C-alpha atoms as a PDB file:
ATOM      1  CA  MET A   1      96.836-130.882 100.630  1.00  0.00           C
ATOM      2  CA  ALA A   2      94.751-131.233 103.799  1.00  0.00           C
ATOM      3  CA  HIS A   3      92.974-134.477 104.652  1.00  0.00           C
ATOM      4  CA  ASP A   4      89.721-134.701 106.565  1.00  0.00           C
ATOM      5  CA  SER A   5      90.539-138.116 107.952  1.00  0.00           C
ATOM      6  CA  LEU A   6      93.672-140.181 108.458  1.00  0.00           C
ATOM      7  CA  GLU A   7      94.343-143.882 108.204  1.00  0.00           C
ATOM      8  CA  LEU A   8      94.884-145.607 111.516  1.00  0.00           C
ATOM      9  CA  LEU A   9      98.331-146.834 112.389  1.00  0.00           C
ATOM     10  CA  GLN A  10      98.620-150.606 112.243  1.00  0.00           C
ATOM     11  CA  GLY A  11      97.593-152.078 115.601  1.00  0.00           C
ATOM     12  CA  THR A  12      95.612-149.100 116.850  1.00  0.00           C
ATOM     13  CA  LEU A  13      92.151-150.083 115.667  1.00  0.00           C
ATOM     14  CA  ASP A  14      91.499-152.630 118.432  1.00  0.00           C
ATOM     15  CA  MET A  15      92.698-150.159 121.070  1.00  0.00           C
ATOM     16  CA  LEU A  16      90.326-147.457 119.784  1.00  0.00           C
ATOM     17  CA  LEU A  17      87.401-149.866 119.640  1.00  0.00           C
ATOM     18  CA  LEU A  18      88.063-151.021 123.200  1.00  0.00           C
ATOM     19  CA  LYS A  19      88.231-147.384 124.291  1.00  0.00           C
ATOM     20  CA  ALA A  20      84.915-146.643 122.562  1.00  0.00           C
ATOM     21  CA  LEU A  21      83.322-149.497 124.520  1.00  0.00           C
ATOM     22  CA  GLN A  22      84.763-148.389 127.854  1.00  0.00           C
ATOM     23  CA  LEU A  23      81.706-146.222 128.541  1.00  0.00           C
ATOM     24  CA  GLY A  24      79.255-149.054 127.935  1.00  0.00           C
ATOM     25  CA  PRO A  25      77.742-151.427 125.373  1.00  0.00           C
ATOM     26  CA  LEU A  26      77.254-150.191 121.818  1.00  0.00           C
ATOM     27  CA  HIS A  27      76.262-151.634 118.444  1.00  0.00           C
ATOM     28  CA  GLY A  28      78.742-151.540 115.568  1.00  0.00           C
ATOM     29  CA  TYR A  29      77.628-148.296 113.916  1.00  0.00           C
ATOM     30  CA  ALA A  30      77.641-146.499 117.293  1.00  0.00           C
ATOM     31  CA  ILE A  31      81.178-147.745 118.012  1.00  0.00           C
ATOM     32  CA  ALA A  32      82.436-146.341 114.686  1.00  0.00           C
ATOM     33  CA  LYS A  33      80.581-143.096 115.344  1.00  0.00           C
ATOM     34  CA  ARG A  34      82.086-142.765 118.829  1.00  0.00           C
ATOM     35  CA  VAL A  35      85.638-143.226 117.522  1.00  0.00           C
ATOM     36  CA  HIS A  36      84.908-140.611 114.851  1.00  0.00           C
ATOM     37  CA  GLN A  37      83.559-138.186 117.471  1.00  0.00           C
ATOM     38  CA  PHE A  38      86.293-138.807 120.071  1.00  0.00           C
ATOM     39  CA  SER A  39      88.969-138.221 117.403  1.00  0.00           C
ATOM     40  CA  GLU A  40      87.327-134.921 116.470  1.00  0.00           C
ATOM     41  CA  LYS A  41      86.424-136.440 113.094  1.00  0.00           C
ATOM     42  CA  VAL A  42      90.008-137.399 112.244  1.00  0.00           C
ATOM     43  CA  PHE A  43      89.483-141.181 112.242  1.00  0.00           C
ATOM     44  CA  ARG A  44      86.712-142.893 110.351  1.00  0.00           C
ATOM     45  CA  VAL A  45      86.295-146.638 110.943  1.00  0.00           C
ATOM     46  CA  GLU A  46      84.806-148.309 107.886  1.00  0.00           C
ATOM     47  CA  GLU A  47      82.581-151.384 108.068  1.00  0.00           C
ATOM     48  CA  GLY A  48      85.189-153.447 106.220  1.00  0.00           C
ATOM     49  CA  SER A  49      87.609-152.908 109.123  1.00  0.00           C
ATOM     50  CA  LEU A  50      85.145-152.595 111.996  1.00  0.00           C
ATOM     51  CA  TYR A  51      83.304-155.915 111.886  1.00  0.00           C
ATOM     52  CA  PRO A  52      86.341-158.157 111.309  1.00  0.00           C
ATOM     53  CA  ALA A  53      88.052-156.383 114.251  1.00  0.00           C
ATOM     54  CA  LEU A  54      85.005-156.847 116.482  1.00  0.00           C
ATOM     55  CA  HIS A  55      84.801-160.521 115.511  1.00  0.00           C
ATOM     56  CA  ARG A  56      88.520-160.997 116.185  1.00  0.00           C
ATOM     57  CA  MET A  57      88.242-159.275 119.592  1.00  0.00           C
ATOM     58  CA  GLU A  58      85.206-161.385 120.455  1.00  0.00           C
ATOM     59  CA  GLU A  59      87.151-164.562 119.625  1.00  0.00           C
ATOM     60  CA  ARG A  60      89.985-163.360 121.901  1.00  0.00           C
ATOM     61  CA  GLY A  61      87.545-162.809 124.776  1.00  0.00           C
ATOM     62  CA  LEU A  62      88.083-159.050 124.884  1.00  0.00           C
ATOM     63  CA  ILE A  63      84.448-158.260 124.148  1.00  0.00           C
ATOM     64  CA  GLU A  64      81.118-160.049 124.333  1.00  0.00           C
ATOM     65  CA  ALA A  65      78.113-159.539 122.119  1.00  0.00           C
ATOM     66  CA  GLU A  66      74.380-159.970 122.454  1.00  0.00           C
ATOM     67  CA  TRP A  67      71.438-159.093 120.282  1.00  0.00           C
ATOM     68  CA  GLY A  68      69.277-156.117 121.203  1.00  0.00           C
ATOM     69  CA  VAL A  69      67.269-153.305 119.671  1.00  0.00           C
ATOM     70  CA  SER A  70      68.986-150.113 118.526  1.00  0.00           C
ATOM     71  CA  GLU A  71      67.717-146.550 118.952  1.00  0.00           C
ATOM     72  CA  ASN A  72      66.256-146.938 115.434  1.00  0.00           C
ATOM     73  CA  ASN A  73      64.218-149.914 116.631  1.00  0.00           C
ATOM     74  CA  ARG A  74      66.346-152.312 114.588  1.00  0.00           C
ATOM     75  CA  ARG A  75      67.769-155.608 115.722  1.00  0.00           C
ATOM     76  CA  SER A  76      71.475-155.015 116.366  1.00  0.00           C
ATOM     77  CA  LYS A  77      74.373-156.801 117.946  1.00  0.00           C
ATOM     78  CA  PHE A  78      75.617-154.913 121.022  1.00  0.00           C
ATOM     79  CA  TYR A  79      79.224-155.301 122.146  1.00  0.00           C
ATOM     80  CA  ARG A  80      80.630-154.774 125.625  1.00  0.00           C
ATOM     81  CA  LEU A  81      84.038-155.049 127.219  1.00  0.00           C
ATOM     82  CA  THR A  82      84.909-158.108 129.274  1.00  0.00           C
ATOM     83  CA  ARG A  83      87.237-158.058 132.233  1.00  0.00           C
ATOM     84  CA  LYS A  84      89.961-159.313 129.916  1.00  0.00           C
ATOM     85  CA  GLY A  85      89.151-156.482 127.476  1.00  0.00           C
ATOM     86  CA  ARG A  86      89.439-153.847 130.223  1.00  0.00           C
ATOM     87  CA  LYS A  87      92.860-155.219 131.191  1.00  0.00           C
ATOM     88  CA  GLN A  88      93.940-155.250 127.532  1.00  0.00           C
ATOM     89  CA  LEU A  89      92.825-151.626 127.171  1.00  0.00           C
ATOM     90  CA  GLU A  90      94.918-150.657 130.212  1.00  0.00           C
ATOM     91  CA  LEU A  91      97.967-152.376 128.716  1.00  0.00           C
ATOM     92  CA  GLU A  92      97.510-150.875 125.280  1.00  0.00           C
ATOM     93  CA  THR A  93      96.915-147.393 126.722  1.00  0.00           C
ATOM     94  CA  ALA A  94     100.162-147.575 128.686  1.00  0.00           C
ATOM     95  CA  ASP A  95     102.061-148.777 125.610  1.00  0.00           C
ATOM     96  CA  TRP A  96     100.483-146.063 123.439  1.00  0.00           C
ATOM     97  CA  LYS A  97     101.472-143.335 125.888  1.00  0.00           C
ATOM     98  CA  ARG A  98     105.046-144.584 125.904  1.00  0.00           C
ATOM     99  CA  ILE A  99     105.192-144.825 122.085  1.00  0.00           C
ATOM    100  CA  SER A 100     103.566-141.440 121.447  1.00  0.00           C
ATOM    101  CA  LYS A 101     105.890-139.745 123.955  1.00  0.00           C
ATOM    102  CA  ALA A 102     108.914-141.271 122.204  1.00  0.00           C
ATOM    103  CA  ILE A 103     107.649-140.237 118.745  1.00  0.00           C
ATOM    104  CA  THR A 104     107.039-136.701 120.015  1.00  0.00           C
ATOM    105  CA  LYS A 105     110.588-136.525 121.346  1.00  0.00           C
ATOM    106  CA  VAL A 106     111.998-137.613 117.997  1.00  0.00           C
ATOM    107  CA  MET A 107     109.833-135.205 116.005  1.00  0.00           C
ATOM    108  CA  GLU A 108     110.655-132.255 118.276  1.00  0.00           C
ATOM    109  CA  SER A 109     114.398-132.910 118.291  1.00  0.00           C
ATOM    110  CA  THR A 110     116.623-130.456 116.485  1.00  0.00           C
END
C-alpha cells in the first residue's frame, strides 16, 4: 500500500521548520506549505504540530515572530530565524547528514 505522505521522525520537525525559514520570514501556513513543497509532497505538517513547535522554538530563541499582513491581506504572525536559530540549523543539518549516511549504509548492507 503506497502512502502519499509520511510521518516525520521524532526530532526532525524543528529542523525542517528552521530550514523552511532559512530563505526568509514566513507565516505559519506558508512554513507548512514550504516543507510540503520542499519534500516533494511527502511531508505534511499539520497545525496541531506546527504551532506548538513554532512556540517552543520561539521560547528557545531560535526564531522571532512579529505581526504582519499575509498575501491574503490577513493579519498573520511572521516567523524568522535568529542567529541562534541559524547556528542550530547548521548543527542539526550536520547531525542529520551523519545519521542518514549511517542508516543508508545499514540498509544497503548485504
